[in-house]
């Protein structure tokens, strides 16, 4: 298992990719080159400018980070999974984000401040189904703590995007309940590098 503790998403992405290449488990298939459960902890997450080495256009990342909490410019969003996340989180009736916000505003210690992104009636056998499964929040020491749980993330091509979009949600919820954004945890059951991306990923970390 890889455990990363650092300040921001850019550093977490670099550290995760390097650790996966250097310490990650070899696989018993020809689909993934490396594959490892991963925990990322960010003490002071921020919405910094995306790392220029990440293989996705910065303007696409910014569009995704805005869309995940606003629903704006859906037709321009290049990532179908982000569209799914937004609708599962915000759509009425029973908006899951609104539920979390209202529960947190009570100030009581609650375990049910959670949004579930997997729908068994829809997602089984679908090509596009949620990789991120749950969003869980609590107020601790007068700050918002958010836990994200994903069944998988592509460390080379998608991890920084996943971190940034859910940090954007972390900030959004903190604003709604008028507390500071606190620690952010991102759990990934399968943080991996595809075999087809092996050489490009190895070349990339030489630039870190």
Protein backbone atom coordinates (compact mmCIF):
# COMPACT_ATOMS: atom_id res chain seq x y z
CA UNK A 1 0.00 0.00 0.00
CA UNK A 2 1.23 3.47 -0.91
CA UNK A 3 0.67 6.26 1.61
CA UNK A 4 1.28 9.85 0.53
CA UNK A 5 1.11 12.79 2.93
CA UNK A 6 1.85 16.23 1.50
CA UNK A 7 0.43 19.72 1.09
CA UNK A 8 -1.16 19.96 -2.35
CA UNK A 9 -2.56 17.93 -5.22
CA UNK A 10 0.33 18.59 -7.62
CA UNK A 11 2.86 17.20 -5.15
CA UNK A 12 0.56 14.28 -4.33
CA UNK A 13 0.27 13.37 -8.00
CA UNK A 14 4.04 13.44 -8.55
CA UNK A 15 4.75 11.49 -5.37
CA UNK A 16 2.06 8.89 -6.11
CA UNK A 17 3.24 8.29 -9.67
CA UNK A 18 6.89 8.01 -8.61
CA UNK A 19 6.04 5.70 -5.70
CA UNK A 20 3.88 3.50 -7.89
CA UNK A 21 6.64 3.10 -10.47
CA UNK A 22 9.31 2.56 -7.83
CA UNK A 23 7.48 0.57 -5.17
CA UNK A 24 4.17 -0.57 -6.67
CA UNK A 25 3.27 -4.21 -7.02
CA UNK A 26 3.86 -6.06 -10.25
CA UNK A 27 0.63 -7.37 -11.70
CA UNK A 28 -0.48 -10.77 -12.93
CA UNK A 29 -2.03 -9.33 -16.10
CA UNK A 30 -0.98 -7.40 -19.19
CA UNK A 31 -3.46 -4.56 -18.61
CA UNK A 32 -1.79 -2.78 -15.68
CA UNK A 33 1.98 -2.33 -15.32
CA UNK A 34 1.69 -1.34 -11.66
CA UNK A 35 -1.31 -1.47 -9.32
CA UNK A 36 -1.48 -0.64 -5.62
CA UNK A 37 -3.98 0.51 -2.96
CA UNK A 38 -3.18 4.15 -2.22
CA UNK A 39 -4.04 6.67 0.48
CA UNK A 40 -3.38 10.36 -0.12
CA UNK A 41 -3.62 12.86 2.74
CA UNK A 42 -3.48 16.60 2.09
CA UNK A 43 -3.29 18.69 5.25
CA UNK A 44 -3.95 21.99 3.48
CA UNK A 45 -5.49 21.21 0.09
CA UNK A 46 -5.64 24.08 -2.37
CA UNK A 47 -6.84 24.77 -5.90
CA UNK A 48 -3.43 25.59 -7.32
CA UNK A 49 -2.59 25.86 -11.02
CA UNK A 50 -2.34 22.31 -12.42
CA UNK A 51 1.15 20.83 -12.80
CA UNK A 52 2.27 21.62 -16.38
CA UNK A 53 3.66 18.08 -16.73
CA UNK A 54 0.27 16.44 -16.16
CA UNK A 55 -0.90 15.00 -19.52
CA UNK A 56 -4.18 16.91 -19.72
CA UNK A 57 -4.74 20.47 -20.91
CA UNK A 58 -4.88 22.98 -18.05
CA UNK A 59 -8.00 24.59 -19.51
CA UNK A 60 -9.77 21.21 -19.45
CA UNK A 61 -8.84 20.71 -15.81
CA UNK A 62 -10.12 24.15 -14.88
CA UNK A 63 -13.36 23.49 -16.77
CA UNK A 64 -13.81 20.22 -14.86
CA UNK A 65 -13.05 21.85 -11.50
CA UNK A 66 -15.71 24.48 -12.16
CA UNK A 67 -18.30 22.08 -13.53
CA UNK A 68 -18.18 19.65 -10.61
CA UNK A 69 -19.89 22.24 -8.36
CA UNK A 70 -21.77 24.46 -10.82
CA UNK A 71 -22.89 22.28 -13.71
CA UNK A 72 -21.78 25.04 -16.09
CA UNK A 73 -20.76 24.34 -19.72
CA UNK A 74 -21.54 20.64 -19.57
CA UNK A 75 -21.25 20.30 -23.32
CA UNK A 76 -17.59 21.38 -23.09
CA UNK A 77 -16.57 19.05 -20.26
CA UNK A 78 -14.16 16.46 -21.73
CA UNK A 79 -14.62 13.83 -19.02
CA UNK A 80 -17.89 11.86 -19.01
CA UNK A 81 -17.33 10.57 -15.48
CA UNK A 82 -17.24 14.12 -14.10
CA UNK A 83 -20.63 14.77 -15.66
CA UNK A 84 -21.94 11.68 -13.91
CA UNK A 85 -20.47 12.80 -10.58
CA UNK A 86 -22.08 16.23 -10.79
CA UNK A 87 -25.54 14.85 -11.47
CA UNK A 88 -25.29 12.14 -8.81
CA UNK A 89 -24.16 14.72 -6.26
CA UNK A 90 -26.39 17.69 -7.03
CA UNK A 91 -29.51 16.58 -8.89
CA UNK A 92 -32.88 16.98 -7.20
CA UNK A 93 -34.90 15.53 -5.65
CA UNK A 94 -32.73 14.57 -2.69
CA UNK A 95 -29.54 16.38 -3.67
CA UNK A 96 -26.80 14.52 -1.82
CA UNK A 97 -24.62 17.61 -1.45
CA UNK A 98 -27.52 19.62 -0.03
CA UNK A 99 -28.13 16.80 2.44
CA UNK A 100 -24.50 16.81 3.57
CA UNK A 101 -24.52 20.59 3.95
CA UNK A 102 -27.73 20.66 5.98
CA UNK A 103 -26.55 17.85 8.26
CA UNK A 104 -23.19 19.53 8.85
CA UNK A 105 -24.90 22.81 9.68
CA UNK A 106 -26.59 21.17 12.68
CA UNK A 107 -23.22 20.95 14.40
CA UNK A 108 -23.95 17.44 15.64
CA UNK A 109 -21.51 14.55 15.32
CA UNK A 110 -22.93 12.45 12.50
CA UNK A 111 -21.70 9.50 10.47
CA UNK A 112 -24.28 9.73 7.71
CA UNK A 113 -22.91 12.87 6.04
CA UNK A 114 -22.12 10.81 2.97
CA UNK A 115 -22.89 10.84 -0.74
CA UNK A 116 -22.94 7.55 -2.62
CA UNK A 117 -22.12 7.75 -6.32
CA UNK A 118 -22.75 4.13 -7.26
CA UNK A 119 -26.27 3.18 -8.33
CA UNK A 120 -26.72 -0.59 -8.57
CA UNK A 121 -29.84 -0.18 -10.71
CA UNK A 122 -27.88 1.68 -13.40
CA UNK A 123 -24.14 1.12 -13.15
CA UNK A 124 -23.61 -2.62 -13.33
CA UNK A 125 -22.10 -3.60 -16.69
CA UNK A 126 -21.98 0.02 -17.89
CA UNK A 127 -18.95 1.33 -19.78
CA UNK A 128 -19.20 4.66 -17.96
CA UNK A 129 -19.81 4.08 -14.27
CA UNK A 130 -18.41 5.89 -11.22
CA UNK A 131 -14.78 5.23 -10.32
CA UNK A 132 -15.27 7.48 -7.30
CA UNK A 133 -17.74 5.79 -4.99
CA UNK A 134 -18.33 7.93 -1.90
CA UNK A 135 -17.85 11.42 -0.51
CA UNK A 136 -17.86 11.64 3.30
CA UNK A 137 -17.51 14.83 5.33
CA UNK A 138 -17.28 15.99 8.91
CA UNK A 139 -16.39 19.12 10.82
CA UNK A 140 -13.33 18.61 12.97
CA UNK A 141 -11.54 21.34 14.91
CA UNK A 142 -13.72 23.98 13.20
CA UNK A 143 -12.68 22.89 9.70
CA UNK A 144 -14.16 20.63 7.05
CA UNK A 145 -12.56 17.22 6.65
CA UNK A 146 -13.45 15.31 3.49
CA UNK A 147 -12.84 11.67 2.62
CA UNK A 148 -13.09 10.48 -0.99
CA UNK A 149 -13.16 6.75 -1.76
CA UNK A 150 -12.54 5.51 -5.29
CA UNK A 151 -12.31 1.97 -6.59
CA UNK A 152 -9.68 3.01 -9.14
CA UNK A 153 -7.65 5.85 -10.59
CA UNK A 154 -5.14 6.04 -13.43
CA UNK A 155 -2.08 7.51 -11.71
CA UNK A 156 -0.54 8.72 -14.95
CA UNK A 157 -3.48 10.25 -16.84
CA UNK A 158 -6.28 10.87 -14.32
CA UNK A 159 -5.14 11.09 -10.69
CA UNK A 160 -4.40 14.82 -10.58
CA UNK A 161 -7.74 15.53 -12.27
CA UNK A 162 -9.55 13.36 -9.70
CA UNK A 163 -7.79 15.08 -6.81
CA UNK A 164 -8.47 18.58 -8.08
CA UNK A 165 -12.14 18.08 -8.94
CA UNK A 166 -12.96 16.69 -5.51
CA UNK A 167 -10.85 19.32 -3.76
CA UNK A 168 -13.06 21.82 -5.61
CA UNK A 169 -16.08 20.06 -4.06
CA UNK A 170 -14.34 20.14 -0.65
CA UNK A 171 -13.99 23.93 -0.94
CA UNK A 172 -17.59 24.30 -2.13
CA UNK A 173 -19.01 22.43 0.86
CA UNK A 174 -16.77 24.37 3.25
CA UNK A 175 -18.13 27.64 1.86
CA UNK A 176 -21.71 26.46 2.22
CA UNK A 177 -21.27 25.69 5.91
CA UNK A 178 -18.97 28.67 6.51
CA UNK A 179 -15.94 26.85 7.88
CA UNK A 180 -12.36 26.61 6.67
CA UNK A 181 -11.41 23.74 4.33
CA UNK A 182 -9.38 21.32 6.43
CA UNK A 183 -7.64 18.00 5.75
CA UNK A 184 -8.54 16.03 2.62
CA UNK A 185 -8.18 12.25 2.29
CA UNK A 186 -8.36 10.32 -1.00
CA UNK A 187 -8.55 6.51 -0.78
CA UNK A 188 -7.99 4.47 -3.95
CA UNK A 189 -8.42 0.69 -4.03
CA UNK A 190 -6.55 0.36 -7.34
CA UNK A 191 -4.15 3.18 -8.18
CA UNK A 192 -2.53 1.98 -11.36
CA UNK A 193 -0.46 2.63 -14.45
CA UNK A 194 -1.62 1.00 -17.67
CA UNK A 195 0.88 -1.22 -19.45
CA UNK A 196 0.43 0.89 -22.60
CA UNK A 197 1.52 4.01 -20.66
CA UNK A 198 4.56 2.40 -19.02
CA UNK A 199 7.28 4.07 -21.09
CA UNK A 200 5.64 7.51 -21.12
CA UNK A 201 5.15 7.42 -17.35
CA UNK A 202 8.78 6.43 -16.81
CA UNK A 203 9.95 9.25 -19.07
CA UNK A 204 7.73 11.70 -17.22
CA UNK A 205 9.09 11.06 -13.74
CA UNK A 206 12.61 11.73 -15.03
CA UNK A 207 11.44 15.35 -15.42
CA UNK A 208 10.28 15.68 -11.80
